[in-house]
Amino acid sequence: MADSSFLLSTISLAQMEPTGSKGGTWKAMGVSNFGGWALTIWVFGGGS
């Protein structure tokens, strides 16, 4: 499924973010927003 590959690649990129204070903040924000974003893609992609 194309969406799955896209989500996995996005997660991989997020994990490569530096763990410094700025990177950590960016990573935390990305992870907190990722759930809603992924769910939106899943719903509109006909995942249900």
PDB file of N, CA and C in Angstrom:
ATOM      1  N   MET A   1       0.850  -1.198   0.000  1.00  0.00           N
ATOM      2  CA  MET A   1       0.000   0.000   0.000  1.00  0.00           C
ATOM      3  C   MET A   1       0.883   1.244   0.000  1.00  0.00           C
ATOM      4  N   ALA A   2       0.667   2.129  -0.945  1.00  0.00           N
ATOM      5  CA  ALA A   2       1.524   3.298  -1.114  1.00  0.00           C
ATOM      6  C   ALA A   2       1.539   4.179   0.136  1.00  0.00           C
ATOM      7  N   ASP A   3       0.369   4.360   0.763  1.00  0.00           N
ATOM      8  CA  ASP A   3       0.294   5.219   1.945  1.00  0.00           C
ATOM      9  C   ASP A   3       1.194   4.699   3.059  1.00  0.00           C
ATOM     10  N   SER A   4       1.229   3.385   3.236  1.00  0.00           N
ATOM     11  CA  SER A   4       2.046   2.795   4.289  1.00  0.00           C
ATOM     12  C   SER A   4       3.515   3.123   4.065  1.00  0.00           C
ATOM     13  N   SER A   5       3.985   2.970   2.833  1.00  0.00           N
ATOM     14  CA  SER A   5       5.379   3.264   2.522  1.00  0.00           C
ATOM     15  C   SER A   5       5.690   4.731   2.781  1.00  0.00           C
ATOM     16  N   PHE A   6       4.760   5.600   2.418  1.00  0.00           N
ATOM     17  CA  PHE A   6       4.958   7.033   2.610  1.00  0.00           C
ATOM     18  C   PHE A   6       5.049   7.380   4.092  1.00  0.00           C
ATOM     19  N   LEU A   7       4.166   6.784   4.900  1.00  0.00           N
ATOM     20  CA  LEU A   7       4.175   7.041   6.334  1.00  0.00           C
ATOM     21  C   LEU A   7       5.463   6.523   6.954  1.00  0.00           C
ATOM     22  N   LEU A   8       5.896   5.346   6.535  1.00  0.00           N
ATOM     23  CA  LEU A   8       7.121   4.769   7.075  1.00  0.00           C
ATOM     24  C   LEU A   8       8.315   5.646   6.744  1.00  0.00           C
ATOM     25  N   SER A   9       8.389   6.160   5.520  1.00  0.00           N
ATOM     26  CA  SER A   9       9.509   7.009   5.131  1.00  0.00           C
ATOM     27  C   SER A   9       9.484   8.303   5.927  1.00  0.00           C
ATOM     28  N   THR A  10       8.286   8.826   6.210  1.00  0.00           N
ATOM     29  CA  THR A  10       8.154  10.051   6.996  1.00  0.00           C
ATOM     30  C   THR A  10       8.637   9.815   8.415  1.00  0.00           C
ATOM     31  N   ILE A  11       8.274   8.667   8.987  1.00  0.00           N
ATOM     32  CA  ILE A  11       8.714   8.325  10.341  1.00  0.00           C
ATOM     33  C   ILE A  11      10.231   8.209  10.368  1.00  0.00           C
ATOM     34  N   SER A  12      10.804   7.585   9.339  1.00  0.00           N
ATOM     35  CA  SER A  12      12.252   7.414   9.269  1.00  0.00           C
ATOM     36  C   SER A  12      12.946   8.771   9.255  1.00  0.00           C
ATOM     37  N   LEU A  13      12.418   9.711   8.483  1.00  0.00           N
ATOM     38  CA  LEU A  13      12.998  11.048   8.417  1.00  0.00           C
ATOM     39  C   LEU A  13      12.916  11.730   9.774  1.00  0.00           C
ATOM     40  N   ALA A  14      11.797  11.558  10.471  1.00  0.00           N
ATOM     41  CA  ALA A  14      11.625  12.175  11.781  1.00  0.00           C
ATOM     42  C   ALA A  14      12.632  11.605  12.766  1.00  0.00           C
ATOM     43  N   GLN A  15      12.914  10.319  12.663  1.00  0.00           N
ATOM     44  CA  GLN A  15      13.852   9.672  13.572  1.00  0.00           C
ATOM     45  C   GLN A  15      15.280  10.139  13.320  1.00  0.00           C
ATOM     46  N   MET A  16      15.569  10.611  12.102  1.00  0.00           N
ATOM     47  CA  MET A  16      16.914  11.072  11.775  1.00  0.00           C
ATOM     48  C   MET A  16      17.160  12.499  12.264  1.00  0.00           C
ATOM     49  N   GLU A  17      16.122  13.143  12.768  1.00  0.00           N
ATOM     50  CA  GLU A  17      16.259  14.509  13.273  1.00  0.00           C
ATOM     51  C   GLU A  17      17.218  14.518  14.466  1.00  0.00           C
ATOM     52  N   PRO A  18      18.154  15.470  14.533  1.00  0.00           N
ATOM     53  CA  PRO A  18      19.093  15.554  15.656  1.00  0.00           C
ATOM     54  C   PRO A  18      18.359  15.606  16.989  1.00  0.00           C
ATOM     55  N   THR A  19      18.989  15.065  18.039  1.00  0.00           N
ATOM     56  CA  THR A  19      18.339  15.013  19.350  1.00  0.00           C
ATOM     57  C   THR A  19      18.719  16.205  20.222  1.00  0.00           C
ATOM     58  N   GLY A  20      19.259  17.269  19.615  1.00  0.00           N
ATOM     59  CA  GLY A  20      19.588  18.476  20.372  1.00  0.00           C
ATOM     60  C   GLY A  20      18.319  19.138  20.883  1.00  0.00           C
ATOM     61  N   SER A  21      18.443  20.217  21.655  1.00  0.00           N
ATOM     62  CA  SER A  21      17.269  20.873  22.229  1.00  0.00           C
ATOM     63  C   SER A  21      16.298  21.318  21.128  1.00  0.00           C
ATOM     64  N   LYS A  22      16.825  21.970  20.091  1.00  0.00           N
ATOM     65  CA  LYS A  22      15.969  22.431  19.000  1.00  0.00           C
ATOM     66  C   LYS A  22      15.414  21.239  18.226  1.00  0.00           C
ATOM     67  N   GLY A  23      16.302  20.275  17.896  1.00  0.00           N
ATOM     68  CA  GLY A  23      15.865  19.087  17.171  1.00  0.00           C
ATOM     69  C   GLY A  23      14.859  18.295  17.987  1.00  0.00           C
ATOM     70  N   GLY A  24      15.113  18.193  19.296  1.00  0.00           N
ATOM     71  CA  GLY A  24      14.199  17.448  20.157  1.00  0.00           C
ATOM     72  C   GLY A  24      12.823  18.087  20.175  1.00  0.00           C
ATOM     73  N   THR A  25      12.782  19.418  20.220  1.00  0.00           N
ATOM     74  CA  THR A  25      11.500  20.123  20.219  1.00  0.00           C
ATOM     75  C   THR A  25      10.776  19.883  18.904  1.00  0.00           C
ATOM     76  N   TRP A  26      11.526  20.000  17.801  1.00  0.00           N
ATOM     77  CA  TRP A  26      10.939  19.777  16.471  1.00  0.00           C
ATOM     78  C   TRP A  26      10.405  18.365  16.379  1.00  0.00           C
ATOM     79  N   LYS A  27      11.182  17.397  16.902  1.00  0.00           N
ATOM     80  CA  LYS A  27      10.790  15.993  16.840  1.00  0.00           C
ATOM     81  C   LYS A  27       9.536  15.761  17.675  1.00  0.00           C
ATOM     82  N   ALA A  28       9.480  16.354  18.875  1.00  0.00           N
ATOM     83  CA  ALA A  28       8.319  16.183  19.749  1.00  0.00           C
ATOM     84  C   ALA A  28       7.072  16.755  19.079  1.00  0.00           C
ATOM     85  N   MET A  29       7.206  17.924  18.469  1.00  0.00           N
ATOM     86  CA  MET A  29       6.072  18.551  17.789  1.00  0.00           C
ATOM     87  C   MET A  29       5.641  17.699  16.604  1.00  0.00           C
ATOM     88  N   GLY A  30       6.620  17.194  15.846  1.00  0.00           N
ATOM     89  CA  GLY A  30       6.315  16.368  14.685  1.00  0.00           C
ATOM     90  C   GLY A  30       5.575  15.102  15.088  1.00  0.00           C
ATOM     91  N   VAL A  31       6.041  14.468  16.162  1.00  0.00           N
ATOM     92  CA  VAL A  31       5.404  13.233  16.622  1.00  0.00           C
ATOM     93  C   VAL A  31       3.993  13.509  17.125  1.00  0.00           C
ATOM     94  N   SER A  32       3.814  14.611  17.869  1.00  0.00           N
ATOM     95  CA  SER A  32       2.491  14.915  18.418  1.00  0.00           C
ATOM     96  C   SER A  32       1.501  15.240  17.302  1.00  0.00           C
ATOM     97  N   ASN A  33       1.984  15.869  16.238  1.00  0.00           N
ATOM     98  CA  ASN A  33       1.115  16.222  15.115  1.00  0.00           C
ATOM     99  C   ASN A  33       0.959  15.075  14.129  1.00  0.00           C
ATOM    100  N   PHE A  34       1.894  14.116  14.166  1.00  0.00           N
ATOM    101  CA  PHE A  34       1.892  13.024  13.197  1.00  0.00           C
ATOM    102  C   PHE A  34       0.650  12.152  13.313  1.00  0.00           C
ATOM    103  N   GLY A  35       0.185  11.905  14.533  1.00  0.00           N
ATOM    104  CA  GLY A  35      -0.991  11.051  14.736  1.00  0.00           C
ATOM    105  C   GLY A  35      -2.204  11.575  13.990  1.00  0.00           C
ATOM    106  N   GLY A  36      -2.514  12.850  14.167  1.00  0.00           N
ATOM    107  CA  GLY A  36      -3.675  13.437  13.500  1.00  0.00           C
ATOM    108  C   GLY A  36      -3.491  13.484  11.995  1.00  0.00           C
ATOM    109  N   TRP A  37      -2.262  13.785  11.569  1.00  0.00           N
ATOM    110  CA  TRP A  37      -1.969  13.853  10.135  1.00  0.00           C
ATOM    111  C   TRP A  37      -2.109  12.480   9.503  1.00  0.00           C
ATOM    112  N   ALA A  38      -1.530  11.460  10.147  1.00  0.00           N
ATOM    113  CA  ALA A  38      -1.596  10.091   9.625  1.00  0.00           C
ATOM    114  C   ALA A  38      -3.042   9.614   9.584  1.00  0.00           C
ATOM    115  N   LEU A  39      -3.817   9.949  10.612  1.00  0.00           N
ATOM    116  CA  LEU A  39      -5.221   9.530  10.663  1.00  0.00           C
ATOM    117  C   LEU A  39      -6.000  10.174   9.522  1.00  0.00           C
ATOM    118  N   THR A  40      -5.710  11.449   9.240  1.00  0.00           N
ATOM    119  CA  THR A  40      -6.386  12.149   8.141  1.00  0.00           C
ATOM    120  C   THR A  40      -6.080  11.466   6.812  1.00  0.00           C
ATOM    121  N   ILE A  41      -4.814  11.135   6.584  1.00  0.00           N
ATOM    122  CA  ILE A  41      -4.412  10.452   5.352  1.00  0.00           C
ATOM    123  C   ILE A  41      -5.116   9.108   5.264  1.00  0.00           C
ATOM    124  N   TRP A  42      -5.181   8.399   6.401  1.00  0.00           N
ATOM    125  CA  TRP A  42      -5.790   7.063   6.451  1.00  0.00           C
ATOM    126  C   TRP A  42      -7.280   7.127   6.129  1.00  0.00           C
ATOM    127  N   VAL A  43      -7.976   8.100   6.739  1.00  0.00           N
ATOM    128  CA  VAL A  43      -9.421   8.236   6.522  1.00  0.00           C
ATOM    129  C   VAL A  43      -9.715   8.599   5.068  1.00  0.00           C
ATOM    130  N   PHE A  44      -9.044   9.640   4.552  1.00  0.00           N
ATOM    131  CA  PHE A  44      -9.294  10.071   3.181  1.00  0.00           C
ATOM    132  C   PHE A  44      -8.763   9.069   2.165  1.00  0.00           C
ATOM    133  N   GLY A  45      -7.856   8.198   2.625  1.00  0.00           N
ATOM    134  CA  GLY A  45      -7.318   7.172   1.737  1.00  0.00           C
ATOM    135  C   GLY A  45      -8.201   5.932   1.705  1.00  0.00           C
ATOM    136  N   GLY A  46      -9.306   5.952   2.442  1.00  0.00           N
ATOM    137  CA  GLY A  46     -10.220   4.816   2.446  1.00  0.00           C
ATOM    138  C   GLY A  46      -9.721   3.694   3.336  1.00  0.00           C
ATOM    139  N   GLY A  47      -8.996   4.051   4.400  1.00  0.00           N
ATOM    140  CA  GLY A  47      -8.428   3.019   5.269  1.00  0.00           C
ATOM    141  C   GLY A  47      -9.458   2.303   6.124  1.00  0.00           C
ATOM    142  N   SER A  48     -10.599   2.930   6.376  1.00  0.00           N
ATOM    143  CA  SER A  48     -11.590   2.315   7.262  1.00  0.00           C
ATOM    144  C   SER A  48     -12.338   1.172   6.577  1.00  0.00           C
TER     145      SER A  48
END
